[in-house]
C-alpha atoms as a PDB file:
ATOM      1  CA  MET A   1     112.089 116.848  78.015  1.00  0.00           C
ATOM      2  CA  LEU A   2     108.978 118.302  78.030  1.00  0.00           C
ATOM      3  CA  GLU A   3     107.030 119.443  81.252  1.00  0.00           C
ATOM      4  CA  ASN A   4     104.251 116.817  81.907  1.00  0.00           C
ATOM      5  CA  THR A   5     101.061 119.308  83.149  1.00  0.00           C
ATOM      6  CA  PHE A   6      97.921 118.477  85.364  1.00  0.00           C
ATOM      7  CA  SER A   7      94.505 118.979  85.813  1.00  0.00           C
ATOM      8  CA  ASN A   8      92.051 118.636  88.268  1.00  0.00           C
ATOM      9  CA  ALA A   9      94.388 119.343  91.170  1.00  0.00           C
ATOM     10  CA  GLU A  10      93.230 120.743  94.395  1.00  0.00           C
ATOM     11  CA  ALA A  11      93.818 124.608  95.490  1.00  0.00           C
ATOM     12  CA  ALA A  12      97.577 125.515  95.782  1.00  0.00           C
ATOM     13  CA  ILE A  13      99.282 124.844  98.849  1.00  0.00           C
ATOM     14  CA  THR A  14     101.940 127.248 100.468  1.00  0.00           C
ATOM     15  CA  PRO A  15     105.497 125.939 101.337  1.00  0.00           C
ATOM     16  CA  ALA A  16     104.377 126.126 104.712  1.00  0.00           C
ATOM     17  CA  ASP A  17     102.225 123.000 104.043  1.00  0.00           C
ATOM     18  CA  LEU A  18     105.113 121.250 102.849  1.00  0.00           C
ATOM     19  CA  ASP A  19     107.095 122.076 105.548  1.00  0.00           C
ATOM     20  CA  LEU A  20     104.265 120.877 108.169  1.00  0.00           C
ATOM     21  CA  LEU A  21     104.021 117.492 105.991  1.00  0.00           C
ATOM     22  CA  GLU A  22     107.840 117.496 106.667  1.00  0.00           C
ATOM     23  CA  SER A  23     107.724 117.973 110.205  1.00  0.00           C
ATOM     24  CA  THR A  24     105.282 115.446 110.318  1.00  0.00           C
ATOM     25  CA  ILE A  25     106.891 112.665 108.922  1.00  0.00           C
ATOM     26  CA  GLY A  26     110.061 113.576 110.114  1.00  0.00           C
ATOM     27  CA  LYS A  27     111.957 113.671 106.853  1.00  0.00           C
ATOM     28  CA  LYS A  28     112.613 116.245 104.365  1.00  0.00           C
ATOM     29  CA  LEU A  29     110.909 116.340 100.739  1.00  0.00           C
ATOM     30  CA  SER A  30     113.475 117.182  97.806  1.00  0.00           C
ATOM     31  CA  THR A  31     113.123 119.806  96.045  1.00  0.00           C
ATOM     32  CA  PRO A  32     111.844 118.984  92.974  1.00  0.00           C
ATOM     33  CA  PHE A  33     108.934 116.979  94.911  1.00  0.00           C
ATOM     34  CA  ARG A  34     108.325 120.638  96.663  1.00  0.00           C
ATOM     35  CA  ASN A  35     108.506 122.333  93.464  1.00  0.00           C
ATOM     36  CA  HIS A  36     106.173 120.073  91.777  1.00  0.00           C
ATOM     37  CA  TYR A  37     103.750 120.427  94.659  1.00  0.00           C
ATOM     38  CA  LEU A  38     103.774 124.041  94.708  1.00  0.00           C
ATOM     39  CA  LYS A  39     102.673 123.878  91.418  1.00  0.00           C
ATOM     40  CA  TYR A  40      99.850 121.382  91.256  1.00  0.00           C
ATOM     41  CA  ASN A  41      98.815 120.326  94.713  1.00  0.00           C
ATOM     42  CA  GLY A  42      97.765 116.712  93.480  1.00  0.00           C
ATOM     43  CA  GLY A  43      95.557 115.986  89.761  1.00  0.00           C
ATOM     44  CA  VAL A  44      95.908 113.975  86.654  1.00  0.00           C
ATOM     45  CA  PRO A  45      98.874 113.903  84.369  1.00  0.00           C
ATOM     46  CA  ALA A  46      98.186 114.624  80.606  1.00  0.00           C
ATOM     47  CA  ARG A  47     101.038 111.994  80.560  1.00  0.00           C
ATOM     48  CA  THR A  48     100.183 109.005  82.717  1.00  0.00           C
ATOM     49  CA  TYR A  49     102.165 106.012  81.712  1.00  0.00           C
ATOM     50  CA  TRP A  50     105.121 104.377  83.207  1.00  0.00           C
ATOM     51  CA  VAL A  51     107.105 101.970  80.660  1.00  0.00           C
ATOM     52  CA  GLY A  52     110.118  99.906  82.594  1.00  0.00           C
ATOM     53  CA  ASP A  53     112.270  96.883  81.999  1.00  0.00           C
ATOM     54  CA  ASP A  54     111.208  95.529  85.453  1.00  0.00           C
ATOM     55  CA  PHE A  55     107.556  95.421  84.788  1.00  0.00           C
ATOM     56  CA  ASP A  56     106.046  93.605  82.599  1.00  0.00           C
ATOM     57  CA  GLU A  57     102.766  95.730  81.885  1.00  0.00           C
ATOM     58  CA  PRO A  58     102.792  99.583  81.529  1.00  0.00           C
ATOM     59  CA  LEU A  59     101.911 101.269  84.833  1.00  0.00           C
ATOM     60  CA  GLU A  60      99.282 104.045  85.048  1.00  0.00           C
ATOM     61  CA  VAL A  61      98.958 106.674  87.049  1.00  0.00           C
ATOM     62  CA  ALA A  62      95.304 107.277  87.964  1.00  0.00           C
ATOM     63  CA  ALA A  63      96.413 110.468  90.108  1.00  0.00           C
ATOM     64  CA  PHE A  64      98.657 112.237  92.268  1.00  0.00           C
ATOM     65  CA  LYS A  65      97.438 112.822  95.711  1.00  0.00           C
ATOM     66  CA  PRO A  66      97.173 116.310  96.869  1.00  0.00           C
ATOM     67  CA  ILE A  67      99.109 117.728 100.257  1.00  0.00           C
ATOM     68  CA  ALA A  68      96.271 119.308 101.401  1.00  0.00           C
ATOM     69  CA  VAL A  69      92.605 119.774 100.878  1.00  0.00           C
ATOM     70  CA  GLY A  70      90.474 116.830  99.920  1.00  0.00           C
ATOM     71  CA  ASP A  71      89.633 113.089 101.221  1.00  0.00           C
ATOM     72  CA  SER A  72      92.629 111.241 100.195  1.00  0.00           C
ATOM     73  CA  THR A  73      95.769 113.443 101.175  1.00  0.00           C
ATOM     74  CA  VAL A  74      99.512 112.315 100.706  1.00  0.00           C
ATOM     75  CA  LEU A  75      99.924 112.809 104.553  1.00  0.00           C
ATOM     76  CA  SER A  76      96.693 110.763 105.631  1.00  0.00           C
ATOM     77  CA  THR A  77      97.247 107.947 103.193  1.00  0.00           C
ATOM     78  CA  TYR A  78     100.529 107.724 104.806  1.00  0.00           C
ATOM     79  CA  GLN A  79      99.476 107.574 107.990  1.00  0.00           C
ATOM     80  CA  MET A  80      96.778 104.925 107.209  1.00  0.00           C
ATOM     81  CA  MET A  81      98.891 102.616 105.892  1.00  0.00           C
ATOM     82  CA  LEU A  82     101.593 102.963 108.253  1.00  0.00           C
ATOM     83  CA  LYS A  83      98.618 102.127 111.205  1.00  0.00           C
ATOM     84  CA  LYS A  84      97.509  99.151 109.131  1.00  0.00           C
ATOM     85  CA  LYS A  85     101.207  98.128 108.727  1.00  0.00           C
ATOM     86  CA  VAL A  86     100.643  97.705 104.861  1.00  0.00           C
ATOM     87  CA  LEU A  87     103.746 100.839 103.933  1.00  0.00           C
ATOM     88  CA  PRO A  88     107.460 100.679 105.787  1.00  0.00           C
ATOM     89  CA  ALA A  89     107.672 104.352 107.384  1.00  0.00           C
ATOM     90  CA  ARG A  90     110.260 105.162 104.525  1.00  0.00           C
ATOM     91  CA  LEU A  91     107.726 105.294 101.735  1.00  0.00           C
ATOM     92  CA  LEU A  92     105.449 108.342 101.094  1.00  0.00           C
ATOM     93  CA  PRO A  93     102.449 107.542  98.986  1.00  0.00           C
ATOM     94  CA  PHE A  94     101.979 110.397  96.483  1.00  0.00           C
ATOM     95  CA  ALA A  95      99.906 108.809  93.754  1.00  0.00           C
ATOM     96  CA  ASN A  96      97.877 105.627  92.873  1.00  0.00           C
ATOM     97  CA  ASP A  97      96.986 103.450  89.782  1.00  0.00           C
ATOM     98  CA  TRP A  98      93.318 102.615  89.095  1.00  0.00           C
ATOM     99  CA  GLY A  99      93.744  99.299  91.330  1.00  0.00           C
ATOM    100  CA  GLY A 100      94.512 101.295  94.309  1.00  0.00           C
ATOM    101  CA  ASN A 101      98.407 100.317  94.424  1.00  0.00           C
ATOM    102  CA  PHE A 102     100.876 103.760  95.090  1.00  0.00           C
ATOM    103  CA  PHE A 103     103.550 105.227  93.393  1.00  0.00           C
ATOM    104  CA  CYS A 104     105.743 106.308  96.290  1.00  0.00           C
ATOM    105  CA  LEU A 105     108.681 108.566  97.453  1.00  0.00           C
ATOM    106  CA  ASN A 106     111.444 106.910  98.974  1.00  0.00           C
ATOM    107  CA  LEU A 107     111.965 109.398 101.843  1.00  0.00           C
ATOM    108  CA  ASP A 108     115.605 107.929 102.589  1.00  0.00           C
ATOM    109  CA  THR A 109     116.856 107.712  98.836  1.00  0.00           C
ATOM    110  CA  GLN A 110     113.983 110.345  97.270  1.00  0.00           C
ATOM    111  CA  ALA A 111     113.407 107.334  94.702  1.00  0.00           C
ATOM    112  CA  VAL A 112     110.399 106.413  93.139  1.00  0.00           C
ATOM    113  CA  SER A 113     108.680 103.072  94.319  1.00  0.00           C
ATOM    114  CA  TYR A 114     105.530 101.099  92.930  1.00  0.00           C
ATOM    115  CA  PHE A 115     103.659  99.185  95.741  1.00  0.00           C
ATOM    116  CA  THR A 116     101.371  96.720  95.194  1.00  0.00           C
ATOM    117  CA  THR A 117      98.443  96.999  98.295  1.00  0.00           C
ATOM    118  CA  ASP A 118      96.556  93.655  96.962  1.00  0.00           C
ATOM    119  CA  SER A 119      99.443  90.509  97.246  1.00  0.00           C
ATOM    120  CA  PHE A 120      99.975  90.151 101.185  1.00  0.00           C
ATOM    121  CA  ASP A 121     100.690  86.595 102.356  1.00  0.00           C
ATOM    122  CA  SER A 122      99.265  86.352 105.832  1.00  0.00           C
ATOM    123  CA  ASP A 123     102.276  83.586 106.315  1.00  0.00           C
ATOM    124  CA  LEU A 124     104.585  86.425 106.264  1.00  0.00           C
ATOM    125  CA  SER A 125     105.324  89.208 108.641  1.00  0.00           C
ATOM    126  CA  PRO A 126     104.577  92.848 107.479  1.00  0.00           C
ATOM    127  CA  GLU A 127     108.096  93.691 107.030  1.00  0.00           C
ATOM    128  CA  GLU A 128     108.250  90.328 104.519  1.00  0.00           C
ATOM    129  CA  ASN A 129     105.477  91.205 102.925  1.00  0.00           C
ATOM    130  CA  GLN A 130     106.036  94.938 102.591  1.00  0.00           C
ATOM    131  CA  ALA A 131     109.561  93.969 100.670  1.00  0.00           C
ATOM    132  CA  GLN A 132     107.813  91.848  98.397  1.00  0.00           C
ATOM    133  CA  SER A 133     105.408  94.622  97.376  1.00  0.00           C
ATOM    134  CA  GLU A 134     107.991  97.069  96.790  1.00  0.00           C
ATOM    135  CA  LYS A 135     109.531  97.549  93.424  1.00  0.00           C
ATOM    136  CA  LEU A 136     111.691 100.315  92.494  1.00  0.00           C
ATOM    137  CA  VAL A 137     110.534 102.417  89.342  1.00  0.00           C
ATOM    138  CA  CYS A 138     113.219 105.387  88.912  1.00  0.00           C
ATOM    139  CA  SER A 139     115.985 107.131  90.876  1.00  0.00           C
ATOM    140  CA  ASN A 140     113.971 110.389  91.389  1.00  0.00           C
ATOM    141  CA  PHE A 141     110.872 112.002  91.269  1.00  0.00           C
ATOM    142  CA  LEU A 142     111.298 114.611  88.636  1.00  0.00           C
ATOM    143  CA  ARG A 143     112.769 111.685  86.208  1.00  0.00           C
ATOM    144  CA  PHE A 144     109.301 109.960  87.123  1.00  0.00           C
ATOM    145  CA  VAL A 145     106.795 112.951  86.517  1.00  0.00           C
ATOM    146  CA  GLN A 146     108.883 113.894  83.125  1.00  0.00           C
ATOM    147  CA  GLY A 147     109.146 110.186  82.207  1.00  0.00           C
ATOM    148  CA  LEU A 148     105.603 109.483  82.020  1.00  0.00           C
ATOM    149  CA  ILE A 149     104.466 109.088  78.295  1.00  0.00           C
ATOM    150  CA  ASP A 150     100.919 109.216  76.325  1.00  0.00           C
ATOM    151  CA  GLU A 151      99.042 106.243  76.012  1.00  0.00           C
ATOM    152  CA  ASP A 152      99.660 106.847  71.927  1.00  0.00           C
ATOM    153  CA  ASP A 153     103.095 106.458  72.322  1.00  0.00           C
ATOM    154  CA  LEU A 154     102.843 102.653  74.256  1.00  0.00           C
ATOM    155  CA  ASP A 155     103.628 100.902  70.952  1.00  0.00           C
ATOM    156  CA  ASP A 156     106.679 103.074  70.560  1.00  0.00           C
ATOM    157  CA  GLU A 157     108.055 101.663  73.775  1.00  0.00           C
END
């Protein structure tokens, strides 16, 4: 599979930046996740669409969040969403779509999930809302990044 390149990334980070993120969230990040972020600190992938059997429409990645630098980092988004009880602690939001929904790394399984932020039901508990908002995208981060496709290839799927 061809590498998916990224543009508009923030300044490069170091392994120490990733170590700090891990110590702050209390979980280890997968090697592919770490390697990706050492190469591209956020940014926009050249191929932006995910097509999966569990989704009616293709999902489009607007941008990956940077680890450090910038207004909306992986950590600041994670901490804000935990504080608001939007996301469970096991989901680390690393990218978003154009509607503000998140692509998250499951810190327990290393799978990638899609998490909608606009479908909360006031009659449900935060945990019930979280369960309804999360949908598995694929089994790991590397497969997700490499599996994104061009808009031109959508008709071929």
